[in-house]
């Protein structure tokens, strides 16, 4: 079997595709681990402070407004 330019290009394309998939797997693994770590830290902080994750990231007023609307404390709901 001889190495033709088309055959070499196929091997190069295949190697590039495998490298890309390996990089994608590593990035997704890192993102998943970072998300799991963030959730665990959020739950620990919630247990220590009593503030939920929404309050920790600055969405507390939105959550409080929704709770007040659902319990009929506000004359209007948004």
Protein backbone atom coordinates (compact mmCIF):
# COMPACT_ATOMS: atom_id res chain seq x y z
CA UNK A 1 0.00 0.00 0.00
CA UNK A 2 1.41 3.37 -0.98
CA UNK A 3 0.86 6.64 0.79
CA UNK A 4 -1.10 8.85 -1.52
CA UNK A 5 -1.88 12.50 -0.77
CA UNK A 6 -5.56 11.62 -0.30
CA UNK A 7 -4.65 8.86 2.15
CA UNK A 8 -2.33 11.21 4.09
CA UNK A 9 -5.05 13.85 4.24
CA UNK A 10 -7.52 11.32 5.62
CA UNK A 11 -5.06 10.36 8.39
CA UNK A 12 -4.40 14.02 9.20
CA UNK A 13 -8.12 14.82 9.31
CA UNK A 14 -8.77 11.80 11.51
CA UNK A 15 -5.95 12.75 13.89
CA UNK A 16 -7.24 16.32 14.08
CA UNK A 17 -10.74 15.04 14.84
CA UNK A 18 -9.45 12.75 17.61
CA UNK A 19 -7.42 15.59 19.17
CA UNK A 20 -10.49 17.83 19.07
CA UNK A 21 -12.66 15.16 20.72
CA UNK A 22 -10.04 14.62 23.43
CA UNK A 23 -9.93 18.35 24.16
CA UNK A 24 -13.74 18.46 24.23
CA UNK A 25 -13.89 15.55 26.69
CA UNK A 26 -11.36 17.24 28.99
CA UNK A 27 -13.23 20.56 28.86
CA UNK A 28 -16.59 18.90 29.61
CA UNK A 29 -15.07 16.90 32.48
CA UNK A 30 -13.60 20.10 33.95
CA UNK A 31 -16.93 21.97 33.58
CA UNK A 32 -18.81 19.13 35.25
CA UNK A 33 -16.41 18.99 38.16
CA UNK A 34 -16.51 22.77 38.60
CA UNK A 35 -20.33 22.71 38.60
CA UNK A 36 -20.44 19.93 41.19
CA UNK A 37 -17.95 21.79 43.37
CA UNK A 38 -20.00 25.00 43.07
CA UNK A 39 -23.20 23.24 44.12
CA UNK A 40 -21.51 21.61 47.11
CA UNK A 41 -20.01 24.93 48.22
CA UNK A 42 -23.39 26.64 47.77
CA UNK A 43 -25.16 24.02 49.88
CA UNK A 44 -22.49 24.26 52.60
CA UNK A 45 -22.74 28.06 52.69
CA UNK A 46 -26.54 27.80 52.77
CA UNK A 47 -26.28 25.49 55.77
CA UNK A 48 -23.89 27.83 57.58
CA UNK A 49 -25.58 31.17 56.83
CA UNK A 50 -29.20 30.30 56.17
CA UNK A 51 -29.19 32.16 52.84
CA UNK A 52 -30.16 30.08 49.83
CA UNK A 53 -28.13 29.79 46.66
CA UNK A 54 -30.33 32.38 44.91
CA UNK A 55 -29.52 34.91 47.65
CA UNK A 56 -25.83 34.06 47.45
CA UNK A 57 -25.63 34.93 43.75
CA UNK A 58 -27.70 38.10 44.08
CA UNK A 59 -31.14 36.89 43.01
CA UNK A 60 -32.62 37.18 46.50
CA UNK A 61 -34.98 40.10 45.76
CA UNK A 62 -36.37 38.24 42.76
CA UNK A 63 -37.02 35.12 44.83
CA UNK A 64 -38.48 37.18 47.69
CA UNK A 65 -40.76 39.03 45.27
CA UNK A 66 -42.01 35.76 43.83
CA UNK A 67 -42.65 34.34 47.32
CA UNK A 68 -44.54 37.49 48.36
CA UNK A 69 -46.62 37.32 45.18
CA UNK A 70 -47.46 33.66 45.69
CA UNK A 71 -48.53 34.27 49.32
CA UNK A 72 -50.76 37.24 48.40
CA UNK A 73 -48.70 39.84 50.35
CA UNK A 74 -48.55 42.09 47.31
CA UNK A 75 -51.61 43.60 45.62
CA UNK A 76 -50.14 42.70 42.21
CA UNK A 77 -48.05 39.93 40.76
CA UNK A 78 -45.30 40.48 38.24
